[in-house]
Amino acid sequence: MTQKIKIVGLRVYGYHGVLEHERQDGQYFIVDATITIDSERASATDDIANTVSYAEIANLISENVRNNPVNLLETLSQRLADEVLFAASPWAKKVKITVSKPDAPIDLYFDTVQVTSKAKAKS
């Protein structure tokens, strides 16, 4: 049996970007994570040891966004997808991470810029 654990709208201050002021001043990033898990054992036992802790995953994402600056959202989202998959094993089958940058340096009206990356467990 599979289920999805979702973390939606995790807001974290970080220092990512190619422009000097982005790296120096920072800005908020919003991260959405979807973790597809094998939930059969967790559902049967009602034991958190048999599933993924969304609190631990949220903390892992937050620490990573805050402390490991990169130039590109593509790099950040893929790194987060890979690290969440690793942290959520053996229960995670797939991870999808979307990183949004609502204050991207674009001189036009827009809601946000997003990059989505995926990681999949080896079968």
PDB file of N, CA and C in Angstrom:
ATOM      1  N   MET A   1       0.854  -1.167   0.000  1.00  0.00           N
ATOM      2  CA  MET A   1       0.000   0.000   0.000  1.00  0.00           C
ATOM      3  C   MET A   1       0.907   1.240   0.000  1.00  0.00           C
ATOM      4  N   THR A   2       0.547   2.211  -0.808  1.00  0.00           N
ATOM      5  CA  THR A   2       1.316   3.459  -0.804  1.00  0.00           C
ATOM      6  C   THR A   2       0.438   4.618  -0.365  1.00  0.00           C
ATOM      7  N   GLN A   3       1.072   5.559   0.264  1.00  0.00           N
ATOM      8  CA  GLN A   3       0.444   6.810   0.657  1.00  0.00           C
ATOM      9  C   GLN A   3       1.430   7.929   0.385  1.00  0.00           C
ATOM     10  N   LYS A   4       0.931   9.163   0.417  1.00  0.00           N
ATOM     11  CA  LYS A   4       1.793  10.322   0.209  1.00  0.00           C
ATOM     12  C   LYS A   4       1.783  11.188   1.453  1.00  0.00           C
ATOM     13  N   ILE A   5       2.976  11.543   1.882  1.00  0.00           N
ATOM     14  CA  ILE A   5       3.146  12.517   2.951  1.00  0.00           C
ATOM     15  C   ILE A   5       3.522  13.822   2.270  1.00  0.00           C
ATOM     16  N   LYS A   6       2.797  14.896   2.595  1.00  0.00           N
ATOM     17  CA  LYS A   6       3.069  16.184   1.969  1.00  0.00           C
ATOM     18  C   LYS A   6       3.376  17.240   3.024  1.00  0.00           C
ATOM     19  N   ILE A   7       4.379  18.029   2.714  1.00  0.00           N
ATOM     20  CA  ILE A   7       4.687  19.236   3.474  1.00  0.00           C
ATOM     21  C   ILE A   7       4.488  20.369   2.481  1.00  0.00           C
ATOM     22  N   VAL A   8       3.567  21.265   2.773  1.00  0.00           N
ATOM     23  CA  VAL A   8       3.192  22.309   1.814  1.00  0.00           C
ATOM     24  C   VAL A   8       3.468  23.686   2.420  1.00  0.00           C
ATOM     25  N   GLY A   9       4.228  24.491   1.677  1.00  0.00           N
ATOM     26  CA  GLY A   9       4.433  25.882   2.075  1.00  0.00           C
ATOM     27  C   GLY A   9       5.447  26.099   3.191  1.00  0.00           C
ATOM     28  N   LEU A  10       6.448  25.233   3.299  1.00  0.00           N
ATOM     29  CA  LEU A  10       7.492  25.425   4.305  1.00  0.00           C
ATOM     30  C   LEU A  10       8.317  26.651   3.919  1.00  0.00           C
ATOM     31  N   ARG A  11       8.255  27.670   4.731  1.00  0.00           N
ATOM     32  CA  ARG A  11       8.877  28.966   4.428  1.00  0.00           C
ATOM     33  C   ARG A  11      10.193  29.084   5.189  1.00  0.00           C
ATOM     34  N   VAL A  12      11.295  29.245   4.425  1.00  0.00           N
ATOM     35  CA  VAL A  12      12.631  29.251   5.026  1.00  0.00           C
ATOM     36  C   VAL A  12      13.448  30.395   4.431  1.00  0.00           C
ATOM     37  N   TYR A  13      14.154  31.124   5.286  1.00  0.00           N
ATOM     38  CA  TYR A  13      15.024  32.202   4.825  1.00  0.00           C
ATOM     39  C   TYR A  13      16.363  31.610   4.398  1.00  0.00           C
ATOM     40  N   GLY A  14      16.803  31.960   3.191  1.00  0.00           N
ATOM     41  CA  GLY A  14      18.056  31.440   2.684  1.00  0.00           C
ATOM     42  C   GLY A  14      18.778  32.456   1.818  1.00  0.00           C
ATOM     43  N   TYR A  15      19.932  32.070   1.333  1.00  0.00           N
ATOM     44  CA  TYR A  15      20.834  32.985   0.612  1.00  0.00           C
ATOM     45  C   TYR A  15      21.218  32.417  -0.757  1.00  0.00           C
ATOM     46  N   HIS A  16      20.232  32.004  -1.519  1.00  0.00           N
ATOM     47  CA  HIS A  16      20.462  31.388  -2.822  1.00  0.00           C
ATOM     48  C   HIS A  16      20.235  32.406  -3.929  1.00  0.00           C
ATOM     49  N   GLY A  17      21.021  32.282  -4.993  1.00  0.00           N
ATOM     50  CA  GLY A  17      20.840  33.137  -6.159  1.00  0.00           C
ATOM     51  C   GLY A  17      22.163  33.454  -6.815  1.00  0.00           C
ATOM     52  N   VAL A  18      22.072  33.968  -8.034  1.00  0.00           N
ATOM     53  CA  VAL A  18      23.298  34.302  -8.764  1.00  0.00           C
ATOM     54  C   VAL A  18      23.719  35.752  -8.560  1.00  0.00           C
ATOM     55  N   LEU A  19      22.809  36.575  -8.063  1.00  0.00           N
ATOM     56  CA  LEU A  19      23.131  37.982  -7.853  1.00  0.00           C
ATOM     57  C   LEU A  19      23.725  38.189  -6.461  1.00  0.00           C
ATOM     58  N   GLU A  20      24.665  39.135  -6.391  1.00  0.00           N
ATOM     59  CA  GLU A  20      25.376  39.378  -5.137  1.00  0.00           C
ATOM     60  C   GLU A  20      24.426  39.730  -3.990  1.00  0.00           C
ATOM     61  N   HIS A  21      23.427  40.569  -4.247  1.00  0.00           N
ATOM     62  CA  HIS A  21      22.512  40.973  -3.158  1.00  0.00           C
ATOM     63  C   HIS A  21      21.664  39.800  -2.670  1.00  0.00           C
ATOM     64  N   GLU A  22      21.379  38.823  -3.531  1.00  0.00           N
ATOM     65  CA  GLU A  22      20.631  37.640  -3.084  1.00  0.00           C
ATOM     66  C   GLU A  22      21.467  36.814  -2.117  1.00  0.00           C
ATOM     67  N   ARG A  23      22.750  36.693  -2.410  1.00  0.00           N
ATOM     68  CA  ARG A  23      23.632  35.907  -1.566  1.00  0.00           C
ATOM     69  C   ARG A  23      23.962  36.638  -0.274  1.00  0.00           C
ATOM     70  N   GLN A  24      23.966  37.978  -0.316  1.00  0.00           N
ATOM     71  CA  GLN A  24      24.317  38.773   0.849  1.00  0.00           C
ATOM     72  C   GLN A  24      23.113  39.034   1.759  1.00  0.00           C
ATOM     73  N   ASP A  25      21.991  39.454   1.166  1.00  0.00           N
ATOM     74  CA  ASP A  25      20.823  39.848   1.957  1.00  0.00           C
ATOM     75  C   ASP A  25      19.857  38.696   2.228  1.00  0.00           C
ATOM     76  N   GLY A  26      19.786  37.743   1.320  1.00  0.00           N
ATOM     77  CA  GLY A  26      18.878  36.617   1.480  1.00  0.00           C
ATOM     78  C   GLY A  26      17.432  36.968   1.181  1.00  0.00           C
ATOM     79  N   GLN A  27      16.596  35.951   1.223  1.00  0.00           N
ATOM     80  CA  GLN A  27      15.162  36.100   0.979  1.00  0.00           C
ATOM     81  C   GLN A  27      14.460  34.806   1.385  1.00  0.00           C
ATOM     82  N   TYR A  28      13.149  34.846   1.398  1.00  0.00           N
ATOM     83  CA  TYR A  28      12.386  33.651   1.741  1.00  0.00           C
ATOM     84  C   TYR A  28      12.233  32.740   0.530  1.00  0.00           C
ATOM     85  N   PHE A  29      12.306  31.450   0.798  1.00  0.00           N
ATOM     86  CA  PHE A  29      12.030  30.400  -0.170  1.00  0.00           C
ATOM     87  C   PHE A  29      10.909  29.553   0.405  1.00  0.00           C
ATOM     88  N   ILE A  30      10.076  29.030  -0.452  1.00  0.00           N
ATOM     89  CA  ILE A  30       8.965  28.186  -0.015  1.00  0.00           C
ATOM     90  C   ILE A  30       9.174  26.807  -0.622  1.00  0.00           C
ATOM     91  N   VAL A  31       9.118  25.786   0.222  1.00  0.00           N
ATOM     92  CA  VAL A  31       9.377  24.423  -0.229  1.00  0.00           C
ATOM     93  C   VAL A  31       8.139  23.560   0.003  1.00  0.00           C
ATOM     94  N   ASP A  32       7.769  22.829  -1.055  1.00  0.00           N
ATOM     95  CA  ASP A  32       6.724  21.814  -0.968  1.00  0.00           C
ATOM     96  C   ASP A  32       7.387  20.466  -1.203  1.00  0.00           C
ATOM     97  N   ALA A  33       7.073  19.505  -0.356  1.00  0.00           N
ATOM     98  CA  ALA A  33       7.653  18.167  -0.474  1.00  0.00           C
ATOM     99  C   ALA A  33       6.533  17.140  -0.495  1.00  0.00           C
ATOM    100  N   THR A  34       6.643  16.198  -1.421  1.00  0.00           N
ATOM    101  CA  THR A  34       5.740  15.058  -1.467  1.00  0.00           C
ATOM    102  C   THR A  34       6.590  13.802  -1.415  1.00  0.00           C
ATOM    103  N   ILE A  35       6.315  12.969  -0.431  1.00  0.00           N
ATOM    104  CA  ILE A  35       7.071  11.734  -0.240  1.00  0.00           C
ATOM    105  C   ILE A  35       6.089  10.572  -0.379  1.00  0.00           C
ATOM    106  N   THR A  36       6.285   9.769  -1.407  1.00  0.00           N
ATOM    107  CA  THR A  36       5.459   8.584  -1.605  1.00  0.00           C
ATOM    108  C   THR A  36       6.098   7.450  -0.815  1.00  0.00           C
ATOM    109  N   ILE A  37       5.313   6.870   0.087  1.00  0.00           N
ATOM    110  CA  ILE A  37       5.866   5.853   0.990  1.00  0.00           C
ATOM    111  C   ILE A  37       5.113   4.530   0.875  1.00  0.00           C
ATOM    112  N   ASP A  38       5.820   3.483   1.264  1.00  0.00           N
ATOM    113  CA  ASP A  38       5.194   2.182   1.480  1.00  0.00           C
ATOM    114  C   ASP A  38       4.653   2.233   2.904  1.00  0.00           C
ATOM    115  N   SER A  39       3.347   2.307   3.029  1.00  0.00           N
ATOM    116  CA  SER A  39       2.741   2.559   4.350  1.00  0.00           C
ATOM    117  C   SER A  39       2.090   1.338   4.980  1.00  0.00           C
ATOM    118  N   GLU A  40       2.259   0.186   4.381  1.00  0.00           N
ATOM    119  CA  GLU A  40       1.580  -1.002   4.892  1.00  0.00           C
ATOM    120  C   GLU A  40       1.944  -1.303   6.345  1.00  0.00           C
ATOM    121  N   ARG A  41       3.218  -1.305   6.641  1.00  0.00           N
ATOM    122  CA  ARG A  41       3.662  -1.638   8.005  1.00  0.00           C
ATOM    123  C   ARG A  41       3.242  -0.564   9.009  1.00  0.00           C
ATOM    124  N   ALA A  42       3.384   0.718   8.619  1.00  0.00           N
ATOM    125  CA  ALA A  42       2.986   1.804   9.520  1.00  0.00           C
ATOM    126  C   ALA A  42       1.495   1.747   9.824  1.00  0.00           C
ATOM    127  N   SER A  43       0.697   1.502   8.803  1.00  0.00           N
ATOM    128  CA  SER A  43      -0.757   1.427   9.006  1.00  0.00           C
ATOM    129  C   SER A  43      -1.135   0.260   9.915  1.00  0.00           C
ATOM    130  N   ALA A  44      -0.424  -0.843   9.774  1.00  0.00           N
ATOM    131  CA  ALA A  44      -0.737  -2.031  10.576  1.00  0.00           C
ATOM    132  C   ALA A  44      -0.280  -1.896  12.021  1.00  0.00           C
ATOM    133  N   THR A  45       0.834  -1.196  12.250  1.00  0.00           N
ATOM    134  CA  THR A  45       1.406  -1.135  13.601  1.00  0.00           C
ATOM    135  C   THR A  45       1.101   0.156  14.347  1.00  0.00           C
ATOM    136  N   ASP A  46       0.728   1.202  13.628  1.00  0.00           N
ATOM    137  CA  ASP A  46       0.500   2.519  14.229  1.00  0.00           C
ATOM    138  C   ASP A  46       1.743   3.004  14.978  1.00  0.00           C
ATOM    139  N   ASP A  47       2.918   2.734  14.385  1.00  0.00           N
ATOM    140  CA  ASP A  47       4.198   3.039  15.017  1.00  0.00           C
ATOM    141  C   ASP A  47       5.013   3.946  14.096  1.00  0.00           C
ATOM    142  N   ILE A  48       5.406   5.100  14.601  1.00  0.00           N
ATOM    143  CA  ILE A  48       6.168   6.061  13.784  1.00  0.00           C
ATOM    144  C   ILE A  48       7.505   5.499  13.320  1.00  0.00           C
ATOM    145  N   ALA A  49       8.021   4.499  13.999  1.00  0.00           N
ATOM    146  CA  ALA A  49       9.274   3.880  13.573  1.00  0.00           C
ATOM    147  C   ALA A  49       9.137   3.183  12.215  1.00  0.00           C
ATOM    148  N   ASN A  50       7.904   2.972  11.780  1.00  0.00           N
ATOM    149  CA  ASN A  50       7.651   2.284  10.513  1.00  0.00           C
ATOM    150  C   ASN A  50       7.204   3.222   9.400  1.00  0.00           C
ATOM    151  N   THR A  51       7.540   4.493   9.544  1.00  0.00           N
ATOM    152  CA  THR A  51       7.165   5.464   8.520  1.00  0.00           C
ATOM    153  C   THR A  51       8.153   6.623   8.532  1.00  0.00           C
ATOM    154  N   VAL A  52       7.815   7.655   7.804  1.00  0.00           N
ATOM    155  CA  VAL A  52       8.650   8.844   7.688  1.00  0.00           C
ATOM    156  C   VAL A  52       8.104   9.912   8.638  1.00  0.00           C
ATOM    157  N   SER A  53       8.966  10.504   9.420  1.00  0.00           N
ATOM    158  CA  SER A  53       8.570  11.599  10.302  1.00  0.00           C
ATOM    159  C   SER A  53       8.556  12.903   9.505  1.00  0.00           C
ATOM    160  N   TYR A  54       7.390  13.466   9.296  1.00  0.00           N
ATOM    161  CA  TYR A  54       7.325  14.729   8.542  1.00  0.00           C
ATOM    162  C   TYR A  54       8.008  15.857   9.298  1.00  0.00           C
ATOM    163  N   ALA A  55       8.036  15.793  10.616  1.00  0.00           N
ATOM    164  CA  ALA A  55       8.734  16.823  11.397  1.00  0.00           C
ATOM    165  C   ALA A  55      10.239  16.763  11.135  1.00  0.00           C
ATOM    166  N   GLU A  56      10.794  15.555  11.105  1.00  0.00           N
ATOM    167  CA  GLU A  56      12.223  15.416  10.814  1.00  0.00           C
ATOM    168  C   GLU A  56      12.550  15.868   9.397  1.00  0.00           C
ATOM    169  N   ILE A  57      11.684  15.554   8.449  1.00  0.00           N
ATOM    170  CA  ILE A  57      11.912  15.961   7.060  1.00  0.00           C
ATOM    171  C   ILE A  57      11.828  17.484   6.942  1.00  0.00           C
ATOM    172  N   ALA A  58      10.857  18.097   7.585  1.00  0.00           N
ATOM    173  CA  ALA A  58      10.733  19.564   7.554  1.00  0.00           C
ATOM    174  C   ALA A  58      11.988  20.222   8.137  1.00  0.00           C
ATOM    175  N   ASN A  59      12.496  19.680   9.224  1.00  0.00           N
ATOM    176  CA  ASN A  59      13.718  20.222   9.823  1.00  0.00           C
ATOM    177  C   ASN A  59      14.923  20.033   8.903  1.00  0.00           C
ATOM    178  N   LEU A  60      15.027  18.884   8.262  1.00  0.00           N
ATOM    179  CA  LEU A  60      16.124  18.631   7.330  1.00  0.00           C
ATOM    180  C   LEU A  60      16.094  19.636   6.184  1.00  0.00           C
ATOM    181  N   ILE A  61      14.923  19.852   5.611  1.00  0.00           N
ATOM    182  CA  ILE A  61      14.778  20.818   4.513  1.00  0.00           C
ATOM    183  C   ILE A  61      15.141  22.217   4.985  1.00  0.00           C
ATOM    184  N   SER A  62      14.603  22.611   6.127  1.00  0.00           N
ATOM    185  CA  SER A  62      14.851  23.951   6.661  1.00  0.00           C
ATOM    186  C   SER A  62      16.338  24.196   6.898  1.00  0.00           C
ATOM    187  N   GLU A  63      17.009  23.260   7.537  1.00  0.00           N
ATOM    188  CA  GLU A  63      18.440  23.404   7.805  1.00  0.00           C
ATOM    189  C   GLU A  63      19.231  23.512   6.501  1.00  0.00           C
ATOM    190  N   ASN A  64      18.857  22.714   5.526  1.00  0.00           N
ATOM    191  CA  ASN A  64      19.565  22.715   4.256  1.00  0.00           C
ATOM    192  C   ASN A  64      19.391  24.040   3.519  1.00  0.00           C
ATOM    193  N   VAL A  65      18.169  24.539   3.466  1.00  0.00           N
ATOM    194  CA  VAL A  65      17.911  25.807   2.766  1.00  0.00           C
ATOM    195  C   VAL A  65      18.627  26.957   3.474  1.00  0.00           C
ATOM    196  N   ARG A  66      18.618  26.961   4.798  1.00  0.00           N
ATOM    197  CA  ARG A  66      19.254  28.042   5.561  1.00  0.00           C
ATOM    198  C   ARG A  66      20.768  28.050   5.466  1.00  0.00           C
ATOM    199  N   ASN A  67      21.370  26.877   5.426  1.00  0.00           N
ATOM    200  CA  ASN A  67      22.811  26.795   5.666  1.00  0.00           C
ATOM    201  C   ASN A  67      23.683  26.403   4.480  1.00  0.00           C
ATOM    202  N   ASN A  68      23.108  26.082   3.337  1.00  0.00           N
ATOM    203  CA  ASN A  68      23.908  25.603   2.207  1.00  0.00           C
ATOM    204  C   ASN A  68      23.556  26.356   0.930  1.00  0.00           C
ATOM    205  N   PRO A  69      23.979  27.613   0.800  1.00  0.00           N
ATOM    206  CA  PRO A  69      23.587  28.420  -0.355  1.00  0.00           C
ATOM    207  C   PRO A  69      24.162  27.908  -1.679  1.00  0.00           C
ATOM    208  N   VAL A  70      23.351  28.044  -2.724  1.00  0.00           N
ATOM    209  CA  VAL A  70      23.753  27.697  -4.090  1.00  0.00           C
ATOM    210  C   VAL A  70      23.264  28.801  -5.028  1.00  0.00           C
ATOM    211  N   ASN A  71      23.746  28.775  -6.248  1.00  0.00           N
ATOM    212  CA  ASN A  71      23.331  29.763  -7.231  1.00  0.00           C
ATOM    213  C   ASN A  71      21.937  29.480  -7.780  1.00  0.00           C
ATOM    214  N   LEU A  72      21.649  28.224  -8.091  1.00  0.00           N
ATOM    215  CA  LEU A  72      20.459  27.885  -8.869  1.00  0.00           C
ATOM    216  C   LEU A  72      19.408  27.131  -8.063  1.00  0.00           C
ATOM    217  N   LEU A  73      18.137  27.440  -8.339  1.00  0.00           N
ATOM    218  CA  LEU A  73      17.037  26.690  -7.743  1.00  0.00           C
ATOM    219  C   LEU A  73      17.074  25.234  -8.199  1.00  0.00           C
ATOM    220  N   GLU A  74      17.544  24.997  -9.413  1.00  0.00           N
ATOM    221  CA  GLU A  74      17.655  23.633  -9.918  1.00  0.00           C
ATOM    222  C   GLU A  74      18.573  22.800  -9.028  1.00  0.00           C
ATOM    223  N   THR A  75      19.679  23.388  -8.624  1.00  0.00           N
ATOM    224  CA  THR A  75      20.622  22.701  -7.739  1.00  0.00           C
ATOM    225  C   THR A  75      19.996  22.458  -6.375  1.00  0.00           C
ATOM    226  N   LEU A  76      19.354  23.477  -5.841  1.00  0.00           N
ATOM    227  CA  LEU A  76      18.736  23.375  -4.518  1.00  0.00           C
ATOM    228  C   LEU A  76      17.633  22.329  -4.495  1.00  0.00           C
ATOM    229  N   SER A  77      16.731  22.365  -5.448  1.00  0.00           N
ATOM    230  CA  SER A  77      15.600  21.432  -5.427  1.00  0.00           C
ATOM    231  C   SER A  77      16.061  19.988  -5.613  1.00  0.00           C
ATOM    232  N   GLN A  78      17.058  19.765  -6.485  1.00  0.00           N
ATOM    233  CA  GLN A  78      17.528  18.383  -6.672  1.00  0.00           C
ATOM    234  C   GLN A  78      18.271  17.892  -5.442  1.00  0.00           C
ATOM    235  N   ARG A  79      19.071  18.757  -4.827  1.00  0.00           N
ATOM    236  CA  ARG A  79      19.780  18.367  -3.609  1.00  0.00           C
ATOM    237  C   ARG A  79      18.779  18.003  -2.512  1.00  0.00           C
ATOM    238  N   LEU A  80      17.727  18.799  -2.367  1.00  0.00           N
ATOM    239  CA  LEU A  80      16.716  18.501  -1.355  1.00  0.00           C
ATOM    240  C   LEU A  80      16.007  17.185  -1.656  1.00  0.00           C
ATOM    241  N   ALA A  81      15.656  16.954  -2.916  1.00  0.00           N
ATOM    242  CA  ALA A  81      14.981  15.700  -3.282  1.00  0.00           C
ATOM    243  C   ALA A  81      15.857  14.497  -2.939  1.00  0.00           C
ATOM    244  N   ASP A  82      17.133  14.569  -3.287  1.00  0.00           N
ATOM    245  CA  ASP A  82      18.048  13.462  -3.011  1.00  0.00           C
ATOM    246  C   ASP A  82      18.232  13.240  -1.508  1.00  0.00           C
ATOM    247  N   GLU A  83      18.384  14.314  -0.749  1.00  0.00           N
ATOM    248  CA  GLU A  83      18.607  14.185   0.686  1.00  0.00           C
ATOM    249  C   GLU A  83      17.356  13.702   1.423  1.00  0.00           C
ATOM    250  N   VAL A  84      16.184  14.165   0.988  1.00  0.00           N
ATOM    251  CA  VAL A  84      14.946  13.692   1.619  1.00  0.00           C
ATOM    252  C   VAL A  84      14.743  12.211   1.316  1.00  0.00           C
ATOM    253  N   LEU A  85      15.000  11.799   0.081  1.00  0.00           N
ATOM    254  CA  LEU A  85      14.867  10.372  -0.257  1.00  0.00           C
ATOM    255  C   LEU A  85      15.779   9.530   0.629  1.00  0.00           C
ATOM    256  N   PHE A  86      17.014   9.962   0.785  1.00  0.00           N
ATOM    257  CA  PHE A  86      17.963   9.223   1.621  1.00  0.00           C
ATOM    258  C   PHE A  86      17.482   9.180   3.081  1.00  0.00           C
ATOM    259  N   ALA A  87      17.056  10.319   3.608  1.00  0.00           N
ATOM    260  CA  ALA A  87      16.617  10.401   5.011  1.00  0.00           C
ATOM    261  C   ALA A  87      15.353   9.596   5.263  1.00  0.00           C
ATOM    262  N   ALA A  88      14.517   9.475   4.256  1.00  0.00           N
ATOM    263  CA  ALA A  88      13.226   8.805   4.416  1.00  0.00           C
ATOM    264  C   ALA A  88      13.280   7.314   4.086  1.00  0.00           C
ATOM    265  N   SER A  89      14.458   6.813   3.732  1.00  0.00           N
ATOM    266  CA  SER A  89      14.540   5.385   3.426  1.00  0.00           C
ATOM    267  C   SER A  89      14.489   4.585   4.731  1.00  0.00           C
ATOM    268  N   PRO A  90      14.001   3.405   4.749  1.00  0.00           N
ATOM    269  CA  PRO A  90      13.615   2.592   3.604  1.00  0.00           C
ATOM    270  C   PRO A  90      12.162   2.758   3.177  1.00  0.00           C
ATOM    271  N   TRP A  91      11.431   3.664   3.808  1.00  0.00           N
ATOM    272  CA  TRP A  91       9.991   3.767   3.545  1.00  0.00           C
ATOM    273  C   TRP A  91       9.667   4.548   2.275  1.00  0.00           C
ATOM    274  N   ALA A  92      10.521   5.482   1.901  1.00  0.00           N
ATOM    275  CA  ALA A  92      10.225   6.343   0.748  1.00  0.00           C
ATOM    276  C   ALA A  92      10.480   5.616  -0.566  1.00  0.00           C
ATOM    277  N   LYS A  93       9.541   5.763  -1.485  1.00  0.00           N
ATOM    278  CA  LYS A  93       9.679   5.211  -2.832  1.00  0.00           C
ATOM    279  C   LYS A  93      10.022   6.310  -3.828  1.00  0.00           C
ATOM    280  N   LYS A  94       9.403   7.473  -3.638  1.00  0.00           N
ATOM    281  CA  LYS A  94       9.644   8.620  -4.513  1.00  0.00           C
ATOM    282  C   LYS A  94       9.542   9.897  -3.693  1.00  0.00           C
ATOM    283  N   VAL A  95      10.273  10.916  -4.146  1.00  0.00           N
ATOM    284  CA  VAL A  95      10.223  12.234  -3.516  1.00  0.00           C
ATOM    285  C   VAL A  95      10.100  13.271  -4.621  1.00  0.00           C
ATOM    286  N   LYS A  96       9.245  14.239  -4.386  1.00  0.00           N
ATOM    287  CA  LYS A  96       9.123  15.379  -5.300  1.00  0.00           C
ATOM    288  C   LYS A  96       9.241  16.645  -4.466  1.00  0.00           C
ATOM    289  N   ILE A  97      10.165  17.521  -4.853  1.00  0.00           N
ATOM    290  CA  ILE A  97      10.409  18.769  -4.140  1.00  0.00           C
ATOM    291  C   ILE A  97      10.203  19.932  -5.106  1.00  0.00           C
ATOM    292  N   THR A  98       9.410  20.906  -4.682  1.00  0.00           N
ATOM    293  CA  THR A  98       9.264  22.148  -5.432  1.00  0.00           C
ATOM    294  C   THR A  98       9.765  23.287  -4.562  1.00  0.00           C
ATOM    295  N   VAL A  99      10.713  24.053  -5.104  1.00  0.00           N
ATOM    296  CA  VAL A  99      11.226  25.231  -4.411  1.00  0.00           C
ATOM    297  C   VAL A  99      10.692  26.456  -5.128  1.00  0.00           C
ATOM    298  N   SER A 100      10.043  27.333  -4.374  1.00  0.00           N
ATOM    299  CA  SER A 100       9.487  28.577  -4.910  1.00  0.00           C
ATOM    300  C   SER A 100      10.300  29.752  -4.406  1.00  0.00           C
ATOM    301  N   LYS A 101      10.463  30.729  -5.286  1.00  0.00           N
ATOM    302  CA  LYS A 101      11.221  31.939  -4.956  1.00  0.00           C
ATOM    303  C   LYS A 101      10.314  33.138  -5.274  1.00  0.00           C
ATOM    304  N   PRO A 102       9.475  33.527  -4.305  1.00  0.00           N
ATOM    305  CA  PRO A 102       8.487  34.577  -4.579  1.00  0.00           C
ATOM    306  C   PRO A 102       9.086  35.966  -4.793  1.00  0.00           C
ATOM    307  N   ASP A 103      10.315  36.188  -4.335  1.00  0.00           N
ATOM    308  CA  ASP A 103      10.948  37.497  -4.494  1.00  0.00           C
ATOM    309  C   ASP A 103      12.106  37.453  -5.496  1.00  0.00           C
ATOM    310  N   ALA A 104      11.982  36.594  -6.504  1.00  0.00           N
ATOM    311  CA  ALA A 104      13.019  36.493  -7.531  1.00  0.00           C
ATOM    312  C   ALA A 104      13.231  37.851  -8.193  1.00  0.00           C
ATOM    313  N   PRO A 105      14.458  38.142  -8.600  1.00  0.00           N
ATOM    314  CA  PRO A 105      14.764  39.462  -9.166  1.00  0.00           C
ATOM    315  C   PRO A 105      14.275  39.605 -10.614  1.00  0.00           C
ATOM    316  N   ILE A 106      12.963  39.767 -10.746  1.00  0.00           N
ATOM    317  CA  ILE A 106      12.325  39.971 -12.047  1.00  0.00           C
ATOM    318  C   ILE A 106      11.527  41.268 -11.950  1.00  0.00           C
ATOM    319  N   ASP A 107      11.743  42.169 -12.869  1.00  0.00           N
ATOM    320  CA  ASP A 107      11.061  43.471 -12.832  1.00  0.00           C
ATOM    321  C   ASP A 107       9.699  43.435 -13.527  1.00  0.00           C
ATOM    322  N   LEU A 108       8.930  42.409 -13.213  1.00  0.00           N
ATOM    323  CA  LEU A 108       7.566  42.252 -13.721  1.00  0.00           C
ATOM    324  C   LEU A 108       6.704  41.720 -12.589  1.00  0.00           C
ATOM    325  N   TYR A 109       5.388  41.836 -12.747  1.00  0.00           N
ATOM    326  CA  TYR A 109       4.489  41.280 -11.737  1.00  0.00           C
ATOM    327  C   TYR A 109       4.399  39.764 -11.939  1.00  0.00           C
ATOM    328  N   PHE A 110       4.616  39.007 -10.877  1.00  0.00           N
ATOM    329  CA  PHE A 110       4.480  37.550 -10.894  1.00  0.00           C
ATOM    330  C   PHE A 110       4.245  37.073  -9.471  1.00  0.00           C
ATOM    331  N   ASP A 111       3.721  35.867  -9.343  1.00  0.00           N
ATOM    332  CA  ASP A 111       3.491  35.297  -8.016  1.00  0.00           C
ATOM    333  C   ASP A 111       4.754  34.655  -7.446  1.00  0.00           C
ATOM    334  N   THR A 112       5.385  33.809  -8.238  1.00  0.00           N
ATOM    335  CA  THR A 112       6.575  33.114  -7.773  1.00  0.00           C
ATOM    336  C   THR A 112       7.273  32.459  -8.945  1.00  0.00           C
ATOM    337  N   VAL A 113       8.506  32.074  -8.732  1.00  0.00           N
ATOM    338  CA  VAL A 113       9.262  31.237  -9.657  1.00  0.00           C
ATOM    339  C   VAL A 113       9.430  29.902  -8.951  1.00  0.00           C
ATOM    340  N   GLN A 114       9.260  28.800  -9.691  1.00  0.00           N
ATOM    341  CA  GLN A 114       9.354  27.480  -9.074  1.00  0.00           C
ATOM    342  C   GLN A 114      10.229  26.549  -9.902  1.00  0.00           C
ATOM    343  N   VAL A 115      10.922  25.664  -9.209  1.00  0.00           N
ATOM    344  CA  VAL A 115      11.638  24.559  -9.839  1.00  0.00           C
ATOM    345  C   VAL A 115      11.277  23.294  -9.069  1.00  0.00           C
ATOM    346  N   THR A 116      10.949  22.234  -9.806  1.00  0.00           N
ATOM    347  CA  THR A 116      10.570  20.965  -9.201  1.00  0.00           C
ATOM    348  C   THR A 116      11.576  19.893  -9.602  1.00  0.00           C
ATOM    349  N   SER A 117      12.003  19.108  -8.624  1.00  0.00           N
ATOM    350  CA  SER A 117      12.913  17.986  -8.857  1.00  0.00           C
ATOM    351  C   SER A 117      12.330  16.737  -8.223  1.00  0.00           C
ATOM    352  N   LYS A 118      12.745  15.584  -8.772  1.00  0.00           N
ATOM    353  CA  LYS A 118      12.270  14.298  -8.264  1.00  0.00           C
ATOM    354  C   LYS A 118      13.448  13.384  -7.997  1.00  0.00           C
ATOM    355  N   ALA A 119      13.234  12.465  -7.076  1.00  0.00           N
ATOM    356  CA  ALA A 119      14.195  11.394  -6.788  1.00  0.00           C
ATOM    357  C   ALA A 119      13.392  10.127  -6.558  1.00  0.00           C
ATOM    358  N   LYS A 120      13.935   9.016  -7.000  1.00  0.00           N
ATOM    359  CA  LYS A 120      13.220   7.738  -6.904  1.00  0.00           C
ATOM    360  C   LYS A 120      14.149   6.684  -6.326  1.00  0.00           C
ATOM    361  N   ALA A 121      13.609   5.894  -5.402  1.00  0.00           N
ATOM    362  CA  ALA A 121      14.393   4.809  -4.802  1.00  0.00           C
ATOM    363  C   ALA A 121      14.687   3.758  -5.860  1.00  0.00           C
ATOM    364  N   LYS A 122      15.851   3.167  -5.757  1.00  0.00           N
ATOM    365  CA  LYS A 122      16.204   2.082  -6.670  1.00  0.00           C
ATOM    366  C   LYS A 122      15.433   0.829  -6.251  1.00  0.00           C
ATOM    367  N   SER A 123      14.860   0.188  -7.206  1.00  0.00           N
ATOM    368  CA  SER A 123      14.054  -1.016  -6.901  1.00  0.00           C
ATOM    369  C   SER A 123      14.904  -2.239  -6.700  1.00  0.00           C
TER     370      SER A 123
END
